[in-house]
Amino acid sequence: MLLMIDEGLTPVFGYSAPNRDNPLLTQARGVAGHLLFGAVNAMVTEALYRLVRPKVAATERARSIHR
């Protein structure tokens, strides 16, 4: 998806300069930034899931006992 949007569609629609105008270091920094964002997003999502999921499971168990 990164390649399709950042490397393909963004320059085509004129939102950024053509890829050949950007230095390789800038391209590498962009890829690293996307990877870091994805990793942090995954860690936060997993942490929130672990915090919320036990409460949901306990509520479901309580409901099944009272049926």
PDB file of N, CA and C in Angstrom:
ATOM      1  N   MET A   1       0.823  -1.170   0.000  1.00  0.00           N
ATOM      2  CA  MET A   1       0.000   0.000   0.000  1.00  0.00           C
ATOM      3  C   MET A   1       0.882   1.253   0.000  1.00  0.00           C
ATOM      4  N   LEU A   2       1.959   1.202   0.737  1.00  0.00           N
ATOM      5  CA  LEU A   2       2.901   2.330   0.769  1.00  0.00           C
ATOM      6  C   LEU A   2       3.393   2.647  -0.635  1.00  0.00           C
ATOM      7  N   LEU A   3       3.749   1.609  -1.369  1.00  0.00           N
ATOM      8  CA  LEU A   3       4.265   1.828  -2.726  1.00  0.00           C
ATOM      9  C   LEU A   3       3.191   2.396  -3.643  1.00  0.00           C
ATOM     10  N   MET A   4       1.980   1.906  -3.503  1.00  0.00           N
ATOM     11  CA  MET A   4       0.905   2.377  -4.377  1.00  0.00           C
ATOM     12  C   MET A   4       0.579   3.845  -4.123  1.00  0.00           C
ATOM     13  N   ILE A   5       0.469   4.225  -2.855  1.00  0.00           N
ATOM     14  CA  ILE A   5       0.028   5.582  -2.544  1.00  0.00           C
ATOM     15  C   ILE A   5       1.191   6.564  -2.568  1.00  0.00           C
ATOM     16  N   ASP A   6       2.197   6.316  -1.720  1.00  0.00           N
ATOM     17  CA  ASP A   6       3.302   7.278  -1.602  1.00  0.00           C
ATOM     18  C   ASP A   6       4.153   7.357  -2.861  1.00  0.00           C
ATOM     19  N   GLU A   7       4.410   6.241  -3.458  1.00  0.00           N
ATOM     20  CA  GLU A   7       5.304   6.231  -4.611  1.00  0.00           C
ATOM     21  C   GLU A   7       4.564   6.366  -5.932  1.00  0.00           C
ATOM     22  N   GLY A   8       3.275   6.086  -5.928  1.00  0.00           N
ATOM     23  CA  GLY A   8       2.533   6.114  -7.175  1.00  0.00           C
ATOM     24  C   GLY A   8       1.526   7.239  -7.292  1.00  0.00           C
ATOM     25  N   LEU A   9       0.492   7.182  -6.466  1.00  0.00           N
ATOM     26  CA  LEU A   9      -0.620   8.114  -6.620  1.00  0.00           C
ATOM     27  C   LEU A   9      -0.313   9.535  -6.158  1.00  0.00           C
ATOM     28  N   THR A  10       0.458   9.688  -5.093  1.00  0.00           N
ATOM     29  CA  THR A  10       0.750  11.035  -4.594  1.00  0.00           C
ATOM     30  C   THR A  10       1.445  11.895  -5.648  1.00  0.00           C
ATOM     31  N   PRO A  11       2.492  11.405  -6.304  1.00  0.00           N
ATOM     32  CA  PRO A  11       3.103  12.217  -7.370  1.00  0.00           C
ATOM     33  C   PRO A  11       2.192  12.406  -8.589  1.00  0.00           C
ATOM     34  N   VAL A  12       1.402  11.389  -8.905  1.00  0.00           N
ATOM     35  CA  VAL A  12       0.520  11.476 -10.070  1.00  0.00           C
ATOM     36  C   VAL A  12      -0.492  12.607  -9.897  1.00  0.00           C
ATOM     37  N   PHE A  13      -1.053  12.747  -8.703  1.00  0.00           N
ATOM     38  CA  PHE A  13      -2.044  13.789  -8.444  1.00  0.00           C
ATOM     39  C   PHE A  13      -1.418  15.134  -8.097  1.00  0.00           C
ATOM     40  N   GLY A  14      -0.097  15.191  -8.053  1.00  0.00           N
ATOM     41  CA  GLY A  14       0.585  16.453  -7.821  1.00  0.00           C
ATOM     42  C   GLY A  14       0.731  16.865  -6.364  1.00  0.00           C
ATOM     43  N   TYR A  15       0.500  15.939  -5.445  1.00  0.00           N
ATOM     44  CA  TYR A  15       0.634  16.254  -4.017  1.00  0.00           C
ATOM     45  C   TYR A  15       2.094  16.258  -3.567  1.00  0.00           C
ATOM     46  N   SER A  16       2.966  15.681  -4.358  1.00  0.00           N
ATOM     47  CA  SER A  16       4.403  15.689  -4.041  1.00  0.00           C
ATOM     48  C   SER A  16       5.185  15.742  -5.350  1.00  0.00           C
ATOM     49  N   ALA A  17       6.460  16.000  -5.212  1.00  0.00           N
ATOM     50  CA  ALA A  17       7.326  16.024  -6.394  1.00  0.00           C
ATOM     51  C   ALA A  17       7.480  14.601  -6.938  1.00  0.00           C
ATOM     52  N   PRO A  18       7.822  14.475  -8.203  1.00  0.00           N
ATOM     53  CA  PRO A  18       8.083  13.135  -8.732  1.00  0.00           C
ATOM     54  C   PRO A  18       9.174  12.424  -7.919  1.00  0.00           C
ATOM     55  N   ASN A  19       9.087  11.122  -7.856  1.00  0.00           N
ATOM     56  CA  ASN A  19      10.005  10.335  -7.034  1.00  0.00           C
ATOM     57  C   ASN A  19      11.467  10.589  -7.379  1.00  0.00           C
ATOM     58  N   ARG A  20      11.772  10.785  -8.630  1.00  0.00           N
ATOM     59  CA  ARG A  20      13.171  10.983  -9.025  1.00  0.00           C
ATOM     60  C   ARG A  20      13.728  12.326  -8.534  1.00  0.00           C
ATOM     61  N   ASP A  21      12.839  13.249  -8.105  1.00  0.00           N
ATOM     62  CA  ASP A  21      13.291  14.531  -7.572  1.00  0.00           C
ATOM     63  C   ASP A  21      13.680  14.449  -6.091  1.00  0.00           C
ATOM     64  N   ASN A  22      13.277  13.388  -5.419  1.00  0.00           N
ATOM     65  CA  ASN A  22      13.588  13.225  -3.998  1.00  0.00           C
ATOM     66  C   ASN A  22      14.854  12.379  -3.833  1.00  0.00           C
ATOM     67  N   PRO A  23      15.753  12.779  -2.936  1.00  0.00           N
ATOM     68  CA  PRO A  23      16.951  11.976  -2.691  1.00  0.00           C
ATOM     69  C   PRO A  23      16.587  10.623  -2.080  1.00  0.00           C
ATOM     70  N   LEU A  24      17.450   9.655  -2.262  1.00  0.00           N
ATOM     71  CA  LEU A  24      17.222   8.315  -1.740  1.00  0.00           C
ATOM     72  C   LEU A  24      17.065   8.340  -0.217  1.00  0.00           C
ATOM     73  N   LEU A  25      17.818   9.199   0.467  1.00  0.00           N
ATOM     74  CA  LEU A  25      17.712   9.300   1.917  1.00  0.00           C
ATOM     75  C   LEU A  25      16.307   9.734   2.336  1.00  0.00           C
ATOM     76  N   THR A  26      15.711  10.640   1.596  1.00  0.00           N
ATOM     77  CA  THR A  26      14.349  11.084   1.897  1.00  0.00           C
ATOM     78  C   THR A  26      13.359   9.939   1.716  1.00  0.00           C
ATOM     79  N   GLN A  27      13.541   9.168   0.664  1.00  0.00           N
ATOM     80  CA  GLN A  27      12.682   8.000   0.428  1.00  0.00           C
ATOM     81  C   GLN A  27      12.830   6.990   1.562  1.00  0.00           C
ATOM     82  N   ALA A  28      14.069   6.726   1.973  1.00  0.00           N
ATOM     83  CA  ALA A  28      14.323   5.767   3.052  1.00  0.00           C
ATOM     84  C   ALA A  28      13.730   6.258   4.365  1.00  0.00           C
ATOM     85  N   ARG A  29      13.839   7.548   4.630  1.00  0.00           N
ATOM     86  CA  ARG A  29      13.267   8.120   5.851  1.00  0.00           C
ATOM     87  C   ARG A  29      11.742   7.969   5.853  1.00  0.00           C
ATOM     88  N   GLY A  30      11.132   8.157   4.711  1.00  0.00           N
ATOM     89  CA  GLY A  30       9.680   7.990   4.611  1.00  0.00           C
ATOM     90  C   GLY A  30       9.246   6.558   4.876  1.00  0.00           C
ATOM     91  N   VAL A  31       9.979   5.600   4.315  1.00  0.00           N
ATOM     92  CA  VAL A  31       9.661   4.185   4.546  1.00  0.00           C
ATOM     93  C   VAL A  31       9.850   3.850   6.019  1.00  0.00           C
ATOM     94  N   ALA A  32      10.948   4.320   6.622  1.00  0.00           N
ATOM     95  CA  ALA A  32      11.207   4.060   8.038  1.00  0.00           C
ATOM     96  C   ALA A  32      10.109   4.669   8.909  1.00  0.00           C
ATOM     97  N   GLY A  33       9.665   5.861   8.560  1.00  0.00           N
ATOM     98  CA  GLY A  33       8.593   6.500   9.309  1.00  0.00           C
ATOM     99  C   GLY A  33       7.297   5.710   9.247  1.00  0.00           C
ATOM    100  N   HIS A  34       6.968   5.187   8.070  1.00  0.00           N
ATOM    101  CA  HIS A  34       5.761   4.382   7.931  1.00  0.00           C
ATOM    102  C   HIS A  34       5.879   3.083   8.734  1.00  0.00           C
ATOM    103  N   LEU A  35       7.039   2.458   8.700  1.00  0.00           N
ATOM    104  CA  LEU A  35       7.229   1.218   9.461  1.00  0.00           C
ATOM    105  C   LEU A  35       7.119   1.474  10.967  1.00  0.00           C
ATOM    106  N   LEU A  36       7.705   2.558  11.431  1.00  0.00           N
ATOM    107  CA  LEU A  36       7.635   2.904  12.845  1.00  0.00           C
ATOM    108  C   LEU A  36       6.195   3.213  13.250  1.00  0.00           C
ATOM    109  N   PHE A  37       5.485   3.972  12.439  1.00  0.00           N
ATOM    110  CA  PHE A  37       4.085   4.279  12.718  1.00  0.00           C
ATOM    111  C   PHE A  37       3.264   2.995  12.813  1.00  0.00           C
ATOM    112  N   GLY A  38       3.480   2.079  11.882  1.00  0.00           N
ATOM    113  CA  GLY A  38       2.746   0.812  11.903  1.00  0.00           C
ATOM    114  C   GLY A  38       3.051  -0.014  13.135  1.00  0.00           C
ATOM    115  N   ALA A  39       4.318  -0.059  13.539  1.00  0.00           N
ATOM    116  CA  ALA A  39       4.704  -0.828  14.721  1.00  0.00           C
ATOM    117  C   ALA A  39       4.098  -0.234  15.988  1.00  0.00           C
ATOM    118  N   VAL A  40       4.163   1.083  16.134  1.00  0.00           N
ATOM    119  CA  VAL A  40       3.587   1.735  17.315  1.00  0.00           C
ATOM    120  C   VAL A  40       2.070   1.557  17.329  1.00  0.00           C
ATOM    121  N   ASN A  41       1.444   1.688  16.187  1.00  0.00           N
ATOM    122  CA  ASN A  41       0.000   1.501  16.090  1.00  0.00           C
ATOM    123  C   ASN A  41      -0.382   0.077  16.506  1.00  0.00           C
ATOM    124  N   ALA A  42       0.363  -0.912  16.060  1.00  0.00           N
ATOM    125  CA  ALA A  42       0.083  -2.300  16.424  1.00  0.00           C
ATOM    126  C   ALA A  42       0.264  -2.528  17.922  1.00  0.00           C
ATOM    127  N   MET A  43       1.309  -1.947  18.516  1.00  0.00           N
ATOM    128  CA  MET A  43       1.543  -2.121  19.949  1.00  0.00           C
ATOM    129  C   MET A  43       0.444  -1.471  20.783  1.00  0.00           C
ATOM    130  N   VAL A  44       0.018  -0.276  20.415  1.00  0.00           N
ATOM    131  CA  VAL A  44      -1.045   0.410  21.156  1.00  0.00           C
ATOM    132  C   VAL A  44      -2.354  -0.353  21.022  1.00  0.00           C
ATOM    133  N   THR A  45      -2.661  -0.814  19.826  1.00  0.00           N
ATOM    134  CA  THR A  45      -3.888  -1.572  19.609  1.00  0.00           C
ATOM    135  C   THR A  45      -3.890  -2.850  20.425  1.00  0.00           C
ATOM    136  N   GLU A  46      -2.773  -3.551  20.436  1.00  0.00           N
ATOM    137  CA  GLU A  46      -2.663  -4.790  21.209  1.00  0.00           C
ATOM    138  C   GLU A  46      -2.807  -4.512  22.709  1.00  0.00           C
ATOM    139  N   ALA A  47      -2.192  -3.452  23.194  1.00  0.00           N
ATOM    140  CA  ALA A  47      -2.280  -3.107  24.616  1.00  0.00           C
ATOM    141  C   ALA A  47      -3.724  -2.769  24.996  1.00  0.00           C
ATOM    142  N   LEU A  48      -4.390  -1.988  24.168  1.00  0.00           N
ATOM    143  CA  LEU A  48      -5.788  -1.648  24.449  1.00  0.00           C
ATOM    144  C   LEU A  48      -6.676  -2.876  24.403  1.00  0.00           C
ATOM    145  N   TYR A  49      -6.413  -3.766  23.469  1.00  0.00           N
ATOM    146  CA  TYR A  49      -7.188  -5.002  23.372  1.00  0.00           C
ATOM    147  C   TYR A  49      -7.023  -5.830  24.639  1.00  0.00           C
ATOM    148  N   ARG A  50      -5.799  -5.930  25.134  1.00  0.00           N
ATOM    149  CA  ARG A  50      -5.558  -6.713  26.347  1.00  0.00           C
ATOM    150  C   ARG A  50      -6.182  -6.066  27.577  1.00  0.00           C
ATOM    151  N   LEU A  51      -6.286  -4.755  27.600  1.00  0.00           N
ATOM    152  CA  LEU A  51      -6.922  -4.075  28.726  1.00  0.00           C
ATOM    153  C   LEU A  51      -8.441  -4.215  28.703  1.00  0.00           C
ATOM    154  N   VAL A  52      -9.028  -4.160  27.523  1.00  0.00           N
ATOM    155  CA  VAL A  52     -10.482  -4.158  27.394  1.00  0.00           C
ATOM    156  C   VAL A  52     -11.044  -5.572  27.327  1.00  0.00           C
ATOM    157  N   ARG A  53     -10.367  -6.479  26.677  1.00  0.00           N
ATOM    158  CA  ARG A  53     -10.895  -7.823  26.438  1.00  0.00           C
ATOM    159  C   ARG A  53     -11.244  -8.581  27.721  1.00  0.00           C
ATOM    160  N   PRO A  54     -10.427  -8.565  28.785  1.00  0.00           N
ATOM    161  CA  PRO A  54     -10.827  -9.295  29.994  1.00  0.00           C
ATOM    162  C   PRO A  54     -12.145  -8.783  30.576  1.00  0.00           C
ATOM    163  N   LYS A  55     -12.405  -7.497  30.487  1.00  0.00           N
ATOM    164  CA  LYS A  55     -13.652  -6.934  31.001  1.00  0.00           C
ATOM    165  C   LYS A  55     -14.836  -7.412  30.171  1.00  0.00           C
ATOM    166  N   VAL A  56     -14.655  -7.481  28.870  1.00  0.00           N
ATOM    167  CA  VAL A  56     -15.724  -7.953  27.986  1.00  0.00           C
ATOM    168  C   VAL A  56     -15.994  -9.421  28.253  1.00  0.00           C
ATOM    169  N   ALA A  57     -14.949 -10.217  28.413  1.00  0.00           N
ATOM    170  CA  ALA A  57     -15.116 -11.644  28.671  1.00  0.00           C
ATOM    171  C   ALA A  57     -15.815 -11.880  30.008  1.00  0.00           C
ATOM    172  N   ALA A  58     -15.469 -11.098  31.041  1.00  0.00           N
ATOM    173  CA  ALA A  58     -16.111 -11.242  32.349  1.00  0.00           C
ATOM    174  C   ALA A  58     -17.589 -10.895  32.264  1.00  0.00           C
ATOM    175  N   THR A  59     -17.923  -9.863  31.517  1.00  0.00           N
ATOM    176  CA  THR A  59     -19.322  -9.463  31.349  1.00  0.00           C
ATOM    177  C   THR A  59     -20.096 -10.558  30.625  1.00  0.00           C
ATOM    178  N   GLU A  60     -19.500 -11.151  29.605  1.00  0.00           N
ATOM    179  CA  GLU A  60     -20.165 -12.223  28.866  1.00  0.00           C
ATOM    180  C   GLU A  60     -20.383 -13.443  29.750  1.00  0.00           C
ATOM    181  N   ARG A  61     -19.398 -13.761  30.596  1.00  0.00           N
ATOM    182  CA  ARG A  61     -19.552 -14.905  31.519  1.00  0.00           C
ATOM    183  C   ARG A  61     -20.674 -14.635  32.519  1.00  0.00           C
ATOM    184  N   ALA A  62     -20.734 -13.413  33.033  1.00  0.00           N
ATOM    185  CA  ALA A  62     -21.779 -13.063  33.999  1.00  0.00           C
ATOM    186  C   ALA A  62     -23.155 -13.165  33.354  1.00  0.00           C
ATOM    187  N   ARG A  63     -23.279 -12.750  32.133  1.00  0.00           N
ATOM    188  CA  ARG A  63     -24.575 -12.834  31.439  1.00  0.00           C
ATOM    189  C   ARG A  63     -24.988 -14.269  31.205  1.00  0.00           C
ATOM    190  N   SER A  64     -24.019 -15.136  30.862  1.00  0.00           N
ATOM    191  CA  SER A  64     -24.354 -16.529  30.594  1.00  0.00           C
ATOM    192  C   SER A  64     -24.756 -17.276  31.862  1.00  0.00           C
ATOM    193  N   ILE A  65     -24.240 -16.859  33.013  1.00  0.00           N
ATOM    194  CA  ILE A  65     -24.585 -17.503  34.286  1.00  0.00           C
ATOM    195  C   ILE A  65     -26.022 -17.177  34.664  1.00  0.00           C
ATOM    196  N   HIS A  66     -26.458 -15.968  34.388  1.00  0.00           N
ATOM    197  CA  HIS A  66     -27.789 -15.519  34.775  1.00  0.00           C
ATOM    198  C   HIS A  66     -28.881 -15.955  33.816  1.00  0.00           C
ATOM    199  N   ARG A  67     -28.561 -16.675  32.785  1.00  0.00           N
ATOM    200  CA  ARG A  67     -29.587 -17.112  31.812  1.00  0.00           C
ATOM    201  C   ARG A  67     -30.229 -18.375  32.229  1.00  0.00           C
TER     202      ARG A  67
END
